[in-house]
Amino acid sequence: MKKIIRYCLFVLVMFLFIRATCGRPKLSTKPMTGVEIMDYVFFHNVSITFDGDHYFTLNGGNENYCVVNEYNADRNFIETYDVGLDGRALFYNPKDKNLYVKIYGTDLWAIDLYNGTAGVRFSDIFEEDNSSPAFSPDGKCIYELTDGDVRVIDFKTGEELERFALESYYDEHGYGLSIAASKHYLFVWEYEDRVLVYDLDGEYVTKIKLPRTGYGFSLSYCNGMLWIAEDADASTDGGDGYWYGFEL
């Protein structure tokens, strides 16, 4: 009888494990740099997104110098757009095909680069002025990292759906407020060249050792890659930063 009970428990544990991991792609824990984009900005390189055809990058540090740079899928520069927002994160939402900027502050803005317009989508939706949140790839949720907690926000209503604490994260300026999201995983910094991976319920999965260090606010995920930036740190003079995409 004891053998039968132990066997049943083993089968149950294996079933739960397979169910929890089913459909999740295996991650490379030591990825090599996949692609690189040289990105001329003022102040800091903070975010990158992809709309299926073009990359868009955002800088932050001063609203008078905040721009969005556009690149084609081959990473060739197309245009610079003055958005006048001190950005912390940039998202493309495939549901409504719009670009959104999380500013320094607690508001989320919608921007139209080609018409040169911008407007507040949600006021006071975020808890941290300096946070660099992430969009789920399907555009349904926003994830904000604050004091080691992940806030899951409904994009349609702006309401907090849930909150959970992470086991660990790198609690340093910029790094401790940045999060990236893929279809199956959440990514936060463990150190300047290491990223912790959690599932969408906040359970630890693994860690990734990157081949280079990255700027804290820059942690992003788009076009199937995890991205970090070598910051331009350029002030009002402007300078070249570099985006690096890693295939996991």
Protein backbone atom coordinates (compact mmCIF):
# COMPACT_ATOMS: atom_id res chain seq x y z
CA MET A 1 0.00 0.00 0.00
CA LYS A 2 2.82 2.43 0.89
CA LYS A 3 4.46 1.77 -2.48
CA ILE A 4 1.19 2.52 -4.24
CA ILE A 5 0.76 5.78 -2.29
CA ARG A 6 4.34 6.84 -3.06
CA TYR A 7 3.85 6.01 -6.72
CA CYS A 8 0.61 8.00 -6.85
CA LEU A 9 2.30 10.98 -5.19
CA PHE A 10 5.17 10.77 -7.68
CA VAL A 11 2.74 10.71 -10.60
CA LEU A 12 0.84 13.68 -9.15
CA VAL A 13 4.03 15.72 -8.70
CA MET A 14 5.16 14.95 -12.25
CA PHE A 15 1.73 15.86 -13.60
CA LEU A 16 1.77 19.21 -11.82
CA PHE A 17 5.32 19.90 -13.00
CA ILE A 18 4.50 19.09 -16.62
CA ARG A 19 1.34 21.16 -16.44
CA ALA A 20 3.21 24.14 -14.99
CA THR A 21 5.92 24.03 -17.64
CA CYS A 22 3.87 22.93 -20.63
CA GLY A 23 4.16 25.31 -23.54
CA ARG A 24 6.99 27.34 -22.00
CA PRO A 25 10.01 27.57 -24.30
CA LYS A 26 13.41 26.55 -22.98
CA LEU A 27 15.65 29.54 -22.28
CA SER A 28 19.34 29.94 -22.98
CA THR A 29 21.02 30.97 -19.72
CA LYS A 30 24.15 32.25 -21.49
CA PRO A 31 22.90 33.94 -24.67
CA MET A 32 25.12 35.57 -27.23
CA THR A 33 24.35 39.00 -28.66
CA GLY A 34 21.92 38.58 -31.53
CA VAL A 35 21.57 42.07 -32.96
CA GLU A 36 22.90 45.58 -32.30
CA ILE A 37 21.45 49.03 -32.94
CA MET A 38 23.46 52.25 -32.62
CA ASP A 39 21.05 54.81 -31.17
CA TYR A 40 21.90 58.53 -31.06
CA VAL A 41 20.05 60.21 -28.18
CA PHE A 42 20.21 62.95 -25.60
CA PHE A 43 20.68 61.85 -21.99
CA HIS A 44 19.80 58.13 -21.61
CA ASN A 45 18.69 55.12 -23.68
CA VAL A 46 15.71 53.77 -21.75
CA SER A 47 13.45 51.56 -23.90
CA ILE A 48 12.95 49.74 -27.20
CA THR A 49 9.87 48.20 -28.83
CA PHE A 50 8.91 46.59 -32.17
CA ASP A 51 5.67 46.87 -34.14
CA GLY A 52 6.26 43.90 -36.41
CA ASP A 53 8.04 45.96 -39.06
CA HIS A 54 10.01 48.70 -37.31
CA TYR A 55 11.94 49.21 -34.09
CA PHE A 56 11.30 52.30 -31.97
CA THR A 57 13.63 53.50 -29.22
CA LEU A 58 13.03 56.04 -26.47
CA ASN A 59 15.37 58.18 -24.43
CA GLY A 60 14.78 59.77 -21.03
CA GLY A 61 16.28 62.20 -18.59
CA ASN A 62 14.82 65.53 -19.73
CA GLU A 63 11.42 66.16 -21.35
CA ASN A 64 12.85 68.92 -23.54
CA TYR A 65 15.19 66.43 -25.20
CA CYS A 66 13.06 63.29 -25.32
CA VAL A 67 12.80 61.68 -28.76
CA VAL A 68 11.66 58.44 -30.36
CA ASN A 69 14.00 57.02 -33.01
CA GLU A 70 12.60 54.74 -35.71
CA TYR A 71 14.56 51.93 -37.42
CA ASN A 72 13.48 49.39 -40.01
CA ALA A 73 13.62 45.62 -39.42
CA ASP A 74 17.21 45.61 -40.70
CA ARG A 75 18.00 48.20 -38.00
CA ASN A 76 18.64 51.03 -40.44
CA PHE A 77 17.75 54.49 -39.13
CA ILE A 78 14.58 56.07 -40.57
CA GLU A 79 13.50 59.11 -38.54
CA THR A 80 13.62 60.95 -35.21
CA TYR A 81 10.43 62.24 -33.57
CA ASP A 82 10.32 64.88 -30.84
CA VAL A 83 7.76 63.67 -28.29
CA GLY A 84 8.41 66.14 -25.45
CA LEU A 85 8.00 63.51 -22.73
CA ASP A 86 10.60 62.45 -20.17
CA GLY A 87 10.29 58.75 -20.95
CA ARG A 88 10.96 55.64 -18.89
CA ALA A 89 9.37 52.94 -21.10
CA LEU A 90 7.96 52.61 -24.60
CA PHE A 91 5.39 50.02 -25.69
CA TYR A 92 3.71 48.99 -28.91
CA ASN A 93 0.25 47.56 -28.29
CA PRO A 94 -0.76 45.12 -31.05
CA LYS A 95 -4.41 45.28 -29.99
CA ASP A 96 -4.89 48.92 -30.97
CA LYS A 97 -1.63 49.39 -32.94
CA ASN A 98 -0.61 52.42 -30.89
CA LEU A 99 2.62 53.42 -29.16
CA TYR A 100 2.56 54.26 -25.45
CA VAL A 101 5.07 56.05 -23.23
CA LYS A 102 5.40 55.66 -19.50
CA ILE A 103 6.83 59.00 -18.40
CA TYR A 104 8.80 60.08 -15.36
CA GLY A 105 5.69 60.29 -13.23
CA THR A 106 2.67 58.04 -12.83
CA ASP A 107 0.84 58.62 -16.13
CA LEU A 108 0.70 56.57 -19.33
CA TRP A 109 0.64 58.52 -22.59
CA ALA A 110 -0.46 57.49 -26.08
CA ILE A 111 1.61 59.00 -28.89
CA ASP A 112 1.09 59.29 -32.63
CA LEU A 113 4.47 59.88 -34.22
CA TYR A 114 3.18 60.61 -37.71
CA ASN A 115 0.56 63.16 -36.63
CA GLY A 116 2.78 64.61 -33.92
CA THR A 117 0.16 64.22 -31.18
CA ALA A 118 0.24 62.85 -27.64
CA GLY A 119 -2.33 62.50 -24.88
CA VAL A 120 -2.76 60.92 -21.47
CA ARG A 121 -4.24 57.40 -21.67
CA PHE A 122 -4.32 56.86 -17.89
CA SER A 123 -3.52 59.25 -15.03
CA ASP A 124 -1.88 57.92 -11.85
CA ILE A 125 -1.89 54.35 -13.11
CA PHE A 126 1.62 53.69 -11.76
CA GLU A 127 2.99 53.80 -8.22
CA GLU A 128 6.60 54.81 -8.93
CA ASP A 129 7.61 57.97 -10.80
CA ASN A 130 10.82 56.33 -11.99
CA SER A 131 9.52 52.85 -12.81
CA SER A 132 10.18 51.31 -16.21
CA PRO A 133 7.25 48.87 -16.63
CA ALA A 134 6.56 46.24 -19.29
CA PHE A 135 3.67 45.44 -21.59
CA SER A 136 2.57 41.85 -22.12
CA PRO A 137 3.14 41.01 -25.82
CA ASP A 138 -0.62 40.63 -26.35
CA GLY A 139 -1.23 44.15 -25.02
CA LYS A 140 -3.61 43.04 -22.29
CA CYS A 141 -1.50 43.70 -19.18
CA ILE A 142 1.13 46.07 -17.86
CA TYR A 143 3.69 44.92 -15.29
CA GLU A 144 5.22 47.43 -12.88
CA LEU A 145 8.06 46.52 -10.50
CA THR A 146 7.98 48.42 -7.22
CA ASP A 147 9.88 47.52 -4.03
CA GLY A 148 10.21 43.93 -5.21
CA ASP A 149 6.49 43.58 -5.93
CA VAL A 150 5.04 43.12 -9.40
CA ARG A 151 1.81 44.98 -10.04
CA VAL A 152 -0.29 43.47 -12.84
CA ILE A 153 -2.45 46.19 -14.41
CA ASP A 154 -5.35 45.68 -16.80
CA PHE A 155 -4.56 47.79 -19.86
CA LYS A 156 -8.22 48.17 -20.80
CA THR A 157 -9.34 49.60 -17.44
CA GLY A 158 -6.13 50.74 -15.77
CA GLU A 159 -7.07 48.76 -12.66
CA GLU A 160 -4.63 46.63 -10.68
CA LEU A 161 -5.51 42.96 -11.21
CA GLU A 162 -3.05 41.44 -8.77
CA ARG A 163 0.23 41.96 -6.98
CA PHE A 164 2.90 39.46 -6.00
CA ALA A 165 6.36 39.61 -4.45
CA LEU A 166 9.47 38.36 -6.21
CA GLU A 167 11.98 36.18 -4.43
CA SER A 168 14.88 38.44 -5.40
CA TYR A 169 15.81 41.45 -7.55
CA TYR A 170 18.63 44.00 -7.85
CA ASP A 171 17.60 46.91 -5.66
CA GLU A 172 19.74 49.67 -7.13
CA HIS A 173 18.78 52.91 -8.88
CA GLY A 174 17.14 52.13 -12.21
CA TYR A 175 17.73 48.40 -11.95
CA GLY A 176 15.25 47.92 -9.10
CA LEU A 177 12.40 49.55 -11.01
CA SER A 178 12.80 47.89 -14.42
CA ILE A 179 10.99 44.83 -15.72
CA ALA A 180 10.54 43.16 -19.12
CA ALA A 181 7.91 40.65 -20.20
CA SER A 182 7.56 37.94 -22.83
CA LYS A 183 4.59 35.68 -23.50
CA HIS A 184 5.68 33.25 -20.77
CA TYR A 185 8.20 35.06 -18.55
CA LEU A 186 9.05 38.16 -16.55
CA PHE A 187 12.63 39.46 -16.48
CA VAL A 188 14.25 41.60 -13.76
CA TRP A 189 17.84 42.48 -12.99
CA GLU A 190 19.90 40.41 -10.56
CA TYR A 191 23.01 42.48 -11.25
CA GLU A 192 24.31 44.70 -14.04
CA ASP A 193 25.02 41.70 -16.29
CA ARG A 194 22.60 39.12 -14.88
CA VAL A 195 18.84 38.79 -15.26
CA LEU A 196 16.43 36.77 -13.14
CA VAL A 197 13.58 34.97 -14.89
CA TYR A 198 10.18 34.40 -13.27
CA ASP A 199 6.99 32.92 -14.62
CA LEU A 200 3.89 35.08 -14.91
CA ASP A 201 2.84 34.12 -11.37
CA GLY A 202 6.14 35.29 -9.90
CA GLU A 203 7.71 31.85 -9.43
CA TYR A 204 11.47 31.72 -9.98
CA VAL A 205 12.54 29.89 -13.15
CA THR A 206 16.23 30.55 -13.80
CA LYS A 207 18.85 33.27 -14.27
CA ILE A 208 20.55 34.56 -17.40
CA LYS A 209 24.21 35.61 -17.59
CA LEU A 210 24.61 38.30 -20.23
CA PRO A 211 27.88 38.87 -22.13
CA ARG A 212 27.88 42.57 -21.19
CA THR A 213 26.49 44.98 -18.62
CA GLY A 214 23.43 47.11 -19.30
CA TYR A 215 21.89 50.41 -18.25
CA GLY A 216 19.32 49.83 -15.52
CA PHE A 217 16.29 51.47 -17.11
CA SER A 218 16.91 49.83 -20.50
CA LEU A 219 15.71 46.27 -19.78
CA SER A 220 13.19 45.49 -22.55
CA TYR A 221 11.70 42.60 -24.51
CA CYS A 222 10.51 42.79 -28.11
CA ASN A 223 10.69 40.86 -31.38
CA GLY A 224 11.44 37.66 -29.48
CA MET A 225 14.57 39.08 -27.85
CA LEU A 226 15.66 40.43 -24.48
CA TRP A 227 17.27 43.87 -24.86
CA ILE A 228 19.64 46.03 -22.84
CA ALA A 229 21.45 49.25 -23.72
CA GLU A 230 24.94 50.60 -23.35
CA ASP A 231 23.86 54.06 -22.27
CA ALA A 232 24.86 57.16 -24.22
CA ASP A 233 24.81 59.19 -20.97
CA ALA A 234 25.02 62.18 -23.28
CA SER A 235 23.30 65.14 -21.59
CA THR A 236 22.26 67.97 -23.94
CA ASP A 237 25.18 67.36 -26.30
CA GLY A 238 23.76 64.06 -27.55
CA GLY A 239 25.71 60.89 -28.17
CA ASP A 240 25.62 57.31 -29.35
CA GLY A 241 24.19 54.57 -27.20
CA TYR A 242 23.92 50.95 -28.28
CA TRP A 243 21.04 48.49 -28.03
CA TYR A 244 21.83 44.78 -27.81
CA GLY A 245 19.22 42.10 -28.44
CA PHE A 246 19.67 38.58 -27.09
CA GLU A 247 17.90 35.54 -28.46
CA LEU A 248 16.94 33.33 -25.53
